[in-house]
Structure formats: C-alpha cells, structure tokens
Amino acid sequence: MCKGCCSKGGCTLAMVGKVLLIVGGINWGLVGLGMLLGSVREWNVVYMLLGGMPIIEGIVYVLVGVAAVMKIFGCQCGKCKDGVCGPSMGGEASKPEGNM
C-alpha cells in the first residue's frame, strides 16, 4: 500500500539514481552522435564540465554505473522493500479481477 512517497517520486536514493541515469543516457547519446559526426570529445557533456578533473569525471561515470545496477535490482531501502515506493502499489490496477 502506498503511504505517500509515491506522489513525491519515491525515496531520495531512487530519485538520485533516476537523475543520474537520465544524465548518463543523454551524455552517451551525445557521445554517439559526436562519433557519427567525427568528433568524440566535443559532445561529451561530462568531459566538458569536468575535463580538468579526471578523477571526478571517473567518479561521475562510476555513479552512473551504480545507478544502472541499482535500477536493474531495484532500490533496497526500507520504503521500497516494503512496497511503499513501488509502481502501481495500492492502485486499482494491482488488484486481481474476481469475475472473469
């Protein structure tokens, strides 16, 4: 049963992971586009923002990877484990039909 965090978008960790996946997906899409157009470095947004700091750039890439793994296995926080933040929890669509 949803206890209110669904309207807020879930737990904070899941929301941060979602933002990292969106940023990472857009970045890799731009990298691919840059490769097709013949210039890899100019289209990498993370490199443009953090190019002078390769350690931090690497940390960003690792965090995007961790967010992807977290998305595959799901958030393991207390709220999400109890089904509070799960999609369609407590909604009419999740109830089984009795009359067929």
N, C-alpha and C. Protein backbone atom coordinates (compact mmCIF):
# COMPACT_ATOMS: atom_id res chain seq x y z
N MET A 1 0.84 -1.19 0.00
CA MET A 1 0.00 0.00 0.00
C MET A 1 0.88 1.24 0.00
N CYS A 2 0.56 2.17 -0.84
CA CYS A 2 1.33 3.40 -0.94
C CYS A 2 1.04 4.29 0.26
N LYS A 3 2.10 4.76 0.91
CA LYS A 3 1.93 5.59 2.10
C LYS A 3 2.32 7.04 1.87
N GLY A 4 2.36 7.49 0.63
CA GLY A 4 2.60 8.90 0.37
C GLY A 4 3.88 9.21 -0.37
N CYS A 5 4.88 8.32 -0.35
CA CYS A 5 6.12 8.67 -1.04
C CYS A 5 5.98 8.52 -2.54
N CYS A 6 4.97 7.81 -3.02
CA CYS A 6 4.78 7.65 -4.47
C CYS A 6 4.45 8.97 -5.13
N SER A 7 3.70 9.81 -4.44
CA SER A 7 3.36 11.11 -5.01
C SER A 7 4.56 12.03 -5.05
N LYS A 8 5.56 11.77 -4.19
CA LYS A 8 6.78 12.56 -4.16
C LYS A 8 7.83 11.99 -5.12
N GLY A 9 7.58 10.86 -5.75
CA GLY A 9 8.53 10.28 -6.69
C GLY A 9 9.38 9.18 -6.11
N GLY A 10 9.13 8.72 -4.91
CA GLY A 10 9.90 7.65 -4.31
C GLY A 10 10.91 8.16 -3.31
N CYS A 11 11.80 7.28 -2.90
CA CYS A 11 12.81 7.66 -1.93
C CYS A 11 13.88 8.52 -2.61
N THR A 12 14.66 9.20 -1.81
CA THR A 12 15.68 10.11 -2.32
C THR A 12 16.73 9.36 -3.13
N LEU A 13 17.15 8.19 -2.65
CA LEU A 13 18.16 7.42 -3.35
C LEU A 13 17.68 7.00 -4.74
N ALA A 14 16.42 6.57 -4.84
CA ALA A 14 15.87 6.20 -6.14
C ALA A 14 15.76 7.41 -7.06
N MET A 15 15.43 8.56 -6.51
CA MET A 15 15.33 9.78 -7.32
C MET A 15 16.71 10.22 -7.83
N VAL A 16 17.73 10.15 -6.99
CA VAL A 16 19.09 10.49 -7.41
C VAL A 16 19.55 9.53 -8.50
N GLY A 17 19.24 8.24 -8.32
CA GLY A 17 19.59 7.26 -9.34
C GLY A 17 18.90 7.53 -10.67
N LYS A 18 17.65 7.95 -10.60
CA LYS A 18 16.92 8.27 -11.82
C LYS A 18 17.55 9.46 -12.54
N VAL A 19 17.93 10.48 -11.80
CA VAL A 19 18.56 11.66 -12.40
C VAL A 19 19.91 11.27 -13.02
N LEU A 20 20.69 10.44 -12.32
CA LEU A 20 21.98 10.00 -12.86
C LEU A 20 21.79 9.21 -14.15
N LEU A 21 20.78 8.36 -14.20
CA LEU A 21 20.52 7.59 -15.42
C LEU A 21 20.11 8.49 -16.58
N ILE A 22 19.32 9.49 -16.30
CA ILE A 22 18.91 10.43 -17.36
C ILE A 22 20.12 11.20 -17.87
N VAL A 23 20.93 11.74 -16.95
CA VAL A 23 22.12 12.49 -17.35
C VAL A 23 23.08 11.58 -18.12
N GLY A 24 23.31 10.36 -17.61
CA GLY A 24 24.21 9.43 -18.29
C GLY A 24 23.70 9.02 -19.66
N GLY A 25 22.40 8.79 -19.77
CA GLY A 25 21.83 8.41 -21.07
C GLY A 25 21.94 9.52 -22.10
N ILE A 26 21.65 10.75 -21.68
CA ILE A 26 21.78 11.89 -22.60
C ILE A 26 23.24 12.07 -22.99
N ASN A 27 24.14 11.94 -22.01
CA ASN A 27 25.57 12.11 -22.31
C ASN A 27 26.04 11.07 -23.32
N TRP A 28 25.69 9.80 -23.12
CA TRP A 28 26.16 8.76 -24.05
C TRP A 28 25.47 8.89 -25.40
N GLY A 29 24.25 9.38 -25.43
CA GLY A 29 23.61 9.66 -26.71
C GLY A 29 24.35 10.74 -27.48
N LEU A 30 24.79 11.78 -26.77
CA LEU A 30 25.55 12.85 -27.41
C LEU A 30 26.93 12.37 -27.84
N VAL A 31 27.55 11.49 -27.04
CA VAL A 31 28.85 10.92 -27.42
C VAL A 31 28.69 10.13 -28.72
N GLY A 32 27.64 9.31 -28.81
CA GLY A 32 27.39 8.54 -30.03
C GLY A 32 27.14 9.45 -31.22
N LEU A 33 26.38 10.51 -31.02
CA LEU A 33 26.13 11.46 -32.09
C LEU A 33 27.43 12.14 -32.53
N GLY A 34 28.27 12.49 -31.55
CA GLY A 34 29.56 13.09 -31.87
C GLY A 34 30.46 12.15 -32.65
N MET A 35 30.40 10.86 -32.30
CA MET A 35 31.20 9.88 -33.04
C MET A 35 30.73 9.78 -34.49
N LEU A 36 29.43 9.81 -34.69
CA LEU A 36 28.90 9.75 -36.05
C LEU A 36 29.28 10.99 -36.86
N LEU A 37 29.40 12.11 -36.16
CA LEU A 37 29.77 13.35 -36.85
C LEU A 37 31.28 13.57 -36.87
N GLY A 38 32.05 12.66 -36.27
CA GLY A 38 33.51 12.71 -36.36
C GLY A 38 34.23 13.44 -35.24
N SER A 39 33.55 13.81 -34.15
CA SER A 39 34.23 14.50 -33.06
C SER A 39 33.71 13.97 -31.73
N VAL A 40 34.48 13.11 -31.07
CA VAL A 40 34.02 12.46 -29.84
C VAL A 40 34.05 13.41 -28.64
N ARG A 41 35.16 14.06 -28.40
CA ARG A 41 35.34 14.85 -27.18
C ARG A 41 34.38 16.04 -27.06
N GLU A 42 34.06 16.69 -28.15
CA GLU A 42 33.25 17.90 -28.06
C GLU A 42 31.81 17.62 -27.63
N TRP A 43 31.33 16.40 -27.75
CA TRP A 43 29.94 16.08 -27.45
C TRP A 43 29.77 15.42 -26.08
N ASN A 44 30.85 15.17 -25.37
CA ASN A 44 30.79 14.55 -24.06
C ASN A 44 30.58 15.63 -23.01
N VAL A 45 29.35 15.74 -22.50
CA VAL A 45 29.00 16.80 -21.56
C VAL A 45 29.78 16.67 -20.26
N VAL A 46 29.95 15.44 -19.76
CA VAL A 46 30.68 15.24 -18.52
C VAL A 46 32.13 15.69 -18.70
N TYR A 47 32.73 15.38 -19.83
CA TYR A 47 34.10 15.83 -20.09
C TYR A 47 34.15 17.35 -20.21
N MET A 48 33.16 17.95 -20.85
CA MET A 48 33.15 19.41 -20.98
C MET A 48 33.08 20.08 -19.62
N LEU A 49 32.26 19.52 -18.72
CA LEU A 49 32.11 20.12 -17.40
C LEU A 49 33.27 19.81 -16.46
N LEU A 50 33.82 18.59 -16.55
CA LEU A 50 34.83 18.15 -15.59
C LEU A 50 36.14 17.74 -16.25
N GLY A 51 36.40 18.19 -17.47
CA GLY A 51 37.58 17.77 -18.21
C GLY A 51 38.89 18.02 -17.51
N GLY A 52 38.96 19.06 -16.70
CA GLY A 52 40.19 19.36 -15.97
C GLY A 52 40.34 18.54 -14.70
N MET A 53 39.32 17.75 -14.37
CA MET A 53 39.33 16.95 -13.15
C MET A 53 39.00 15.50 -13.49
N PRO A 54 39.97 14.74 -14.02
CA PRO A 54 39.67 13.38 -14.47
C PRO A 54 39.21 12.43 -13.36
N ILE A 55 39.66 12.65 -12.13
CA ILE A 55 39.25 11.80 -11.02
C ILE A 55 37.75 11.97 -10.77
N ILE A 56 37.29 13.22 -10.73
CA ILE A 56 35.86 13.49 -10.50
C ILE A 56 35.04 13.01 -11.69
N GLU A 57 35.58 13.16 -12.90
CA GLU A 57 34.90 12.66 -14.09
C GLU A 57 34.71 11.14 -13.99
N GLY A 58 35.73 10.44 -13.54
CA GLY A 58 35.64 9.00 -13.35
C GLY A 58 34.62 8.63 -12.29
N ILE A 59 34.56 9.41 -11.22
CA ILE A 59 33.58 9.16 -10.15
C ILE A 59 32.17 9.31 -10.68
N VAL A 60 31.94 10.33 -11.53
CA VAL A 60 30.61 10.52 -12.12
C VAL A 60 30.22 9.30 -12.95
N TYR A 61 31.16 8.79 -13.76
CA TYR A 61 30.87 7.61 -14.58
C TYR A 61 30.57 6.39 -13.71
N VAL A 62 31.31 6.22 -12.61
CA VAL A 62 31.06 5.10 -11.70
C VAL A 62 29.68 5.25 -11.06
N LEU A 63 29.31 6.46 -10.65
CA LEU A 63 27.99 6.68 -10.05
C LEU A 63 26.86 6.39 -11.04
N VAL A 64 27.05 6.73 -12.30
CA VAL A 64 26.05 6.41 -13.31
C VAL A 64 25.93 4.89 -13.46
N GLY A 65 27.06 4.19 -13.42
CA GLY A 65 27.04 2.73 -13.49
C GLY A 65 26.35 2.12 -12.28
N VAL A 66 26.61 2.64 -11.09
CA VAL A 66 25.95 2.15 -9.88
C VAL A 66 24.45 2.41 -9.95
N ALA A 67 24.06 3.56 -10.49
CA ALA A 67 22.63 3.86 -10.65
C ALA A 67 21.97 2.88 -11.59
N ALA A 68 22.67 2.47 -12.65
CA ALA A 68 22.12 1.50 -13.59
C ALA A 68 21.94 0.14 -12.92
N VAL A 69 22.93 -0.29 -12.15
CA VAL A 69 22.82 -1.57 -11.43
C VAL A 69 21.69 -1.50 -10.41
N MET A 70 21.58 -0.36 -9.73
CA MET A 70 20.50 -0.18 -8.76
C MET A 70 19.14 -0.25 -9.44
N LYS A 71 19.04 0.29 -10.64
CA LYS A 71 17.78 0.24 -11.39
C LYS A 71 17.45 -1.20 -11.78
N ILE A 72 18.47 -1.99 -12.13
CA ILE A 72 18.25 -3.39 -12.50
C ILE A 72 17.71 -4.18 -11.31
N PHE A 73 18.34 -4.03 -10.14
CA PHE A 73 17.98 -4.83 -8.98
C PHE A 73 16.97 -4.15 -8.08
N GLY A 74 16.68 -2.89 -8.32
CA GLY A 74 15.71 -2.16 -7.51
C GLY A 74 16.35 -1.56 -6.28
N CYS A 75 15.74 -0.53 -5.78
CA CYS A 75 16.22 0.13 -4.57
C CYS A 75 15.97 -0.80 -3.37
N GLN A 76 16.92 -0.89 -2.47
CA GLN A 76 16.81 -1.79 -1.33
C GLN A 76 16.57 -1.05 -0.02
N CYS A 77 16.09 0.20 -0.09
CA CYS A 77 15.82 0.94 1.14
C CYS A 77 14.57 0.38 1.80
N GLY A 78 14.33 0.76 3.04
CA GLY A 78 13.19 0.26 3.78
C GLY A 78 11.86 0.59 3.14
N LYS A 79 11.72 1.80 2.62
CA LYS A 79 10.47 2.20 1.97
C LYS A 79 10.18 1.34 0.75
N CYS A 80 11.20 1.16 -0.08
CA CYS A 80 10.99 0.42 -1.33
C CYS A 80 10.86 -1.08 -1.08
N LYS A 81 11.56 -1.61 -0.08
CA LYS A 81 11.44 -3.03 0.24
C LYS A 81 10.03 -3.37 0.71
N ASP A 82 9.41 -2.45 1.44
CA ASP A 82 8.06 -2.67 1.95
C ASP A 82 7.00 -2.41 0.90
N GLY A 83 7.40 -2.02 -0.30
CA GLY A 83 6.45 -1.76 -1.37
C GLY A 83 5.83 -0.39 -1.34
N VAL A 84 6.37 0.50 -0.51
CA VAL A 84 5.80 1.83 -0.38
C VAL A 84 6.02 2.64 -1.65
N CYS A 85 7.19 2.50 -2.29
CA CYS A 85 7.52 3.30 -3.46
C CYS A 85 7.33 2.54 -4.76
N GLY A 86 6.83 1.33 -4.71
CA GLY A 86 6.70 0.53 -5.92
C GLY A 86 5.64 1.08 -6.85
N PRO A 87 5.81 0.88 -8.17
CA PRO A 87 4.81 1.33 -9.12
C PRO A 87 3.53 0.54 -8.98
N SER A 88 2.42 1.18 -9.12
CA SER A 88 1.06 0.64 -9.06
C SER A 88 0.74 -0.04 -7.74
N MET A 89 1.46 0.31 -6.68
CA MET A 89 1.12 -0.24 -5.37
C MET A 89 -0.09 0.51 -4.83
N GLY A 90 -1.05 -0.21 -4.39
CA GLY A 90 -2.23 0.38 -3.80
C GLY A 90 -3.22 0.90 -4.82
N GLY A 91 -2.94 0.75 -6.09
CA GLY A 91 -3.84 1.24 -7.14
C GLY A 91 -4.83 0.17 -7.54
N GLU A 92 -5.82 0.57 -8.29
CA GLU A 92 -6.84 -0.36 -8.75
C GLU A 92 -6.29 -1.40 -9.72
N ALA A 93 -5.26 -1.04 -10.50
CA ALA A 93 -4.70 -1.93 -11.50
C ALA A 93 -4.00 -3.13 -10.87
N SER A 94 -3.56 -3.00 -9.59
CA SER A 94 -2.82 -4.10 -8.97
C SER A 94 -3.75 -5.13 -8.33
N LYS A 95 -5.05 -4.85 -8.25
CA LYS A 95 -6.00 -5.77 -7.63
C LYS A 95 -6.42 -6.81 -8.66
N PRO A 96 -6.44 -8.10 -8.27
CA PRO A 96 -6.86 -9.13 -9.20
C PRO A 96 -8.36 -9.06 -9.47
N GLU A 97 -8.72 -9.41 -10.67
CA GLU A 97 -10.13 -9.45 -11.06
C GLU A 97 -10.80 -10.70 -10.49
N GLY A 98 -11.94 -10.54 -9.87
CA GLY A 98 -12.65 -11.68 -9.29
C GLY A 98 -13.62 -12.30 -10.27
N ASN A 99 -14.22 -11.52 -11.14
CA ASN A 99 -15.19 -12.03 -12.10
C ASN A 99 -14.57 -12.09 -13.47
N MET A 100 -14.51 -13.29 -14.03
CA MET A 100 -13.94 -13.43 -15.37
C MET A 100 -14.96 -13.94 -16.32
